[in-house]
Amino acid sequence: MSAPVFAGLDIETTGLLTPDHRIIEVYVGLWQNGKLVFQFEQRIDPQRGIAADAQRVHGISHSDLIGMPIFEHVAPTLVKILSKATHYVAHNGDEFDLPFLDQELKRVGSALPVRPSIDTMLQGTWATPDGRKPTLGKLCFACGVDYDSSKAHAASYDVQVMMDAFHRALDWGFINLPSNQAVLAA
């Protein structure tokens, strides 16, 4: 049996998880045996404005997206890449990234490949003294991964440090890998 392929992913959006908001940046890296073997990063023209609160978080303005492809053109490549993964890994993935990505793919007539997911925020409560869900910075601190808050919320940076923390937490026995059977049974 070959080693699992983890798709570390992050998205930046025009706002909250509602049908009128869109993805404006996506990063997916594929890791196998602890090594990055493939990466895909793309900014996307949302064909709508960006909420001020969202722009304050990620720093991406509409002018940064001029000339970028629309999601309909990015979706087939994204699905092809995600199909190569055995598991998804995302920080706040179960509550935001994966539902948002699923919503966007359905909007353009596609589907998110069904894979078990590991949410490093939900599985990272061991990393905080009070058992709360950690920010990515707190998870990195607990795992001894350097975290530069000035680079935070760029999808590629967030995934790189998240995956470093994920692999350390996995090696230490703090991460439980869901099986493909559990996803198929759900």
Protein backbone atom coordinates (compact mmCIF):
# COMPACT_ATOMS: atom_id res chain seq x y z
CA MET A 1 0.00 0.00 0.00
CA SER A 2 1.40 3.41 -0.94
CA ALA A 3 1.82 6.25 1.53
CA PRO A 4 -1.10 8.66 1.99
CA VAL A 5 -1.17 11.81 -0.11
CA PHE A 6 -2.23 14.79 1.97
CA ALA A 7 -3.72 17.79 0.17
CA GLY A 8 -2.94 20.80 2.34
CA LEU A 9 -5.29 23.54 1.27
CA ASP A 10 -6.39 27.06 2.02
CA ILE A 11 -8.63 29.59 0.38
CA GLU A 12 -9.11 33.34 0.67
CA THR A 13 -12.57 34.70 -0.09
CA THR A 14 -14.64 37.81 -0.66
CA GLY A 15 -16.40 37.20 2.66
CA LEU A 16 -18.17 34.68 4.83
CA LEU A 17 -19.65 31.32 3.84
CA THR A 18 -22.77 32.50 2.06
CA PRO A 19 -23.89 31.76 -1.51
CA ASP A 20 -23.05 35.28 -2.76
CA HIS A 21 -19.36 35.21 -1.71
CA ARG A 22 -16.57 33.79 -3.86
CA ILE A 23 -13.08 32.34 -3.63
CA ILE A 24 -10.35 34.78 -4.66
CA GLU A 25 -7.25 32.71 -3.90
CA VAL A 26 -6.63 28.99 -3.59
CA TYR A 27 -3.54 27.03 -2.69
CA VAL A 28 -3.26 23.25 -2.71
CA GLY A 29 -0.05 21.40 -1.98
CA LEU A 30 0.26 17.62 -2.15
CA TRP A 31 2.49 16.01 0.48
CA GLN A 32 3.63 12.40 0.51
CA ASN A 33 6.02 10.93 3.08
CA GLY A 34 6.32 14.38 4.64
CA LYS A 35 7.55 15.99 1.42
CA LEU A 36 5.83 18.52 -0.81
CA VAL A 37 5.49 16.81 -4.21
CA PHE A 38 3.17 19.22 -6.03
CA GLN A 39 1.68 22.66 -5.54
CA PHE A 40 -0.96 24.78 -7.18
CA GLU A 41 -1.66 28.42 -6.38
CA GLN A 42 -4.12 30.65 -8.16
CA ARG A 43 -5.77 34.00 -7.61
CA ILE A 44 -9.28 34.23 -9.02
CA ASP A 45 -11.47 37.08 -10.30
CA PRO A 46 -14.61 36.83 -8.15
CA GLN A 47 -16.68 39.02 -10.48
CA ARG A 48 -17.95 40.87 -7.39
CA GLY A 49 -16.62 43.14 -4.66
CA ILE A 50 -14.63 42.05 -1.64
CA ALA A 51 -16.08 42.69 1.81
CA ALA A 52 -13.99 45.20 3.78
CA ASP A 53 -13.67 42.82 6.73
CA ALA A 54 -12.33 40.06 4.47
CA GLN A 55 -9.90 42.42 2.75
CA ARG A 56 -8.55 43.53 6.14
CA VAL A 57 -7.77 39.87 6.94
CA HIS A 58 -6.08 38.75 3.71
CA GLY A 59 -5.01 42.06 2.20
CA ILE A 60 -6.15 41.14 -1.31
CA SER A 61 -7.89 43.95 -3.19
CA HIS A 62 -10.01 43.76 -6.30
CA SER A 63 -7.20 45.44 -8.27
CA ASP A 64 -4.95 42.47 -7.34
CA LEU A 65 -7.36 40.22 -9.23
CA ILE A 66 -7.56 42.05 -12.54
CA GLY A 67 -6.76 39.63 -15.36
CA MET A 68 -7.09 36.54 -13.17
CA PRO A 69 -9.26 33.63 -14.38
CA ILE A 70 -12.78 33.15 -13.08
CA PHE A 71 -13.56 30.16 -10.84
CA GLU A 72 -15.30 28.24 -13.65
CA HIS A 73 -11.94 28.07 -15.46
CA VAL A 74 -9.96 27.07 -12.35
CA ALA A 75 -12.40 24.42 -11.06
CA PRO A 76 -11.45 21.54 -13.45
CA THR A 77 -7.74 21.84 -12.57
CA LEU A 78 -8.54 22.08 -8.88
CA VAL A 79 -10.73 18.95 -8.95
CA LYS A 80 -8.06 17.03 -10.85
CA ILE A 81 -5.44 17.94 -8.23
CA LEU A 82 -7.72 17.18 -5.27
CA SER A 83 -8.57 13.80 -6.82
CA LYS A 84 -4.94 12.75 -6.30
CA ALA A 85 -5.22 13.18 -2.51
CA THR A 86 -6.11 10.51 0.01
CA HIS A 87 -6.87 13.11 2.72
CA TYR A 88 -7.55 16.85 2.94
CA VAL A 89 -5.77 18.91 5.59
CA ALA A 90 -6.94 22.45 6.39
CA HIS A 91 -6.96 24.77 9.40
CA ASN A 92 -10.64 25.45 10.06
CA GLY A 93 -11.30 23.26 7.03
CA ASP A 94 -14.36 21.42 8.33
CA GLU A 95 -16.20 24.62 9.22
CA PHE A 96 -15.04 26.98 6.45
CA ASP A 97 -12.57 26.01 3.71
CA LEU A 98 -14.08 22.69 2.61
CA PRO A 99 -17.76 23.79 2.79
CA PHE A 100 -16.87 26.98 0.89
CA LEU A 101 -14.93 25.05 -1.73
CA ASP A 102 -17.78 22.53 -2.04
CA GLN A 103 -20.30 25.36 -2.46
CA GLU A 104 -18.21 27.01 -5.19
CA LEU A 105 -17.65 23.76 -7.08
CA LYS A 106 -21.36 22.94 -7.00
CA ARG A 107 -22.13 26.46 -8.24
CA VAL A 108 -20.13 25.74 -11.40
CA GLY A 109 -21.53 22.23 -11.88
CA SER A 110 -18.64 20.29 -10.39
CA ALA A 111 -18.07 18.38 -7.17
CA LEU A 112 -15.47 18.23 -4.44
CA PRO A 113 -13.91 14.74 -4.50
CA VAL A 114 -14.97 12.89 -1.34
CA ARG A 115 -11.97 12.41 0.92
CA PRO A 116 -11.50 12.21 4.69
CA SER A 117 -10.45 15.53 6.16
CA ILE A 118 -8.20 16.56 9.00
CA ASP A 119 -9.01 19.95 10.49
CA THR A 120 -5.87 21.09 12.30
CA MET A 121 -7.92 23.60 14.26
CA LEU A 122 -10.39 21.01 15.56
CA GLN A 123 -7.69 18.41 16.18
CA GLY A 124 -5.32 21.01 17.63
CA THR A 125 -7.01 21.62 20.97
CA TRP A 126 -4.12 19.75 22.63
CA ALA A 127 -1.92 22.71 21.62
CA THR A 128 -3.64 25.24 23.90
CA PRO A 129 -3.50 25.24 27.70
CA ASP A 130 -7.27 25.74 27.99
CA GLY A 131 -8.27 23.21 25.29
CA ARG A 132 -9.64 25.85 22.94
CA LYS A 133 -9.30 25.66 19.18
CA PRO A 134 -5.92 27.20 18.34
CA THR A 135 -5.18 29.86 15.81
CA LEU A 136 -2.67 28.75 13.22
CA GLY A 137 -0.01 30.79 15.02
CA LYS A 138 -0.70 29.04 18.33
CA LEU A 139 -0.63 25.62 16.66
CA CYS A 140 2.71 26.43 15.04
CA PHE A 141 4.09 27.64 18.39
CA ALA A 142 3.05 24.39 20.10
CA CYS A 143 4.72 22.40 17.31
CA GLY A 144 7.92 24.44 17.24
CA VAL A 145 7.21 25.78 13.74
CA ASP A 146 8.32 29.35 13.00
CA TYR A 147 5.29 31.53 12.27
CA ASP A 148 5.53 35.02 10.82
CA SER A 149 2.27 36.89 11.42
CA SER A 150 3.22 39.42 8.71
CA LYS A 151 2.93 36.61 6.14
CA ALA A 152 -0.28 35.14 7.59
CA HIS A 153 -3.41 34.81 5.47
CA ALA A 154 -1.53 34.32 2.23
CA ALA A 155 -2.90 30.92 1.26
CA SER A 156 0.46 29.39 0.30
CA TYR A 157 2.20 30.57 3.49
CA ASP A 158 -0.63 29.37 5.72
CA VAL A 159 -0.60 25.92 4.14
CA GLN A 160 3.19 25.58 4.30
CA VAL A 161 3.37 26.29 8.06
CA MET A 162 0.16 24.35 8.75
CA MET A 163 1.59 21.27 7.05
CA ASP A 164 4.86 21.58 8.97
CA ALA A 165 2.81 21.69 12.21
CA PHE A 166 0.53 18.88 10.98
CA HIS A 167 3.43 16.54 10.25
CA ARG A 168 5.01 17.21 13.65
CA ALA A 169 1.69 16.68 15.46
CA LEU A 170 1.11 13.51 13.42
CA ASP A 171 4.57 12.19 14.34
CA TRP A 172 3.88 13.00 18.01
CA GLY A 173 0.57 11.11 17.93
CA PHE A 174 -1.70 14.16 18.37
CA ILE A 175 -3.47 13.81 15.01
CA ASN A 176 -5.97 11.05 14.30
CA LEU A 177 -6.17 10.12 10.64
CA PRO A 178 -9.69 9.31 9.51
CA SER A 179 -9.93 6.33 7.21
CA ASN A 180 -11.34 6.35 3.72
CA GLN A 181 -13.83 3.71 4.95
CA ALA A 182 -15.30 6.19 7.46
CA VAL A 183 -15.94 8.71 4.67
CA LEU A 184 -17.56 6.11 2.42
CA ALA A 185 -19.83 4.95 5.25
CA ALA A 186 -21.00 8.48 6.08
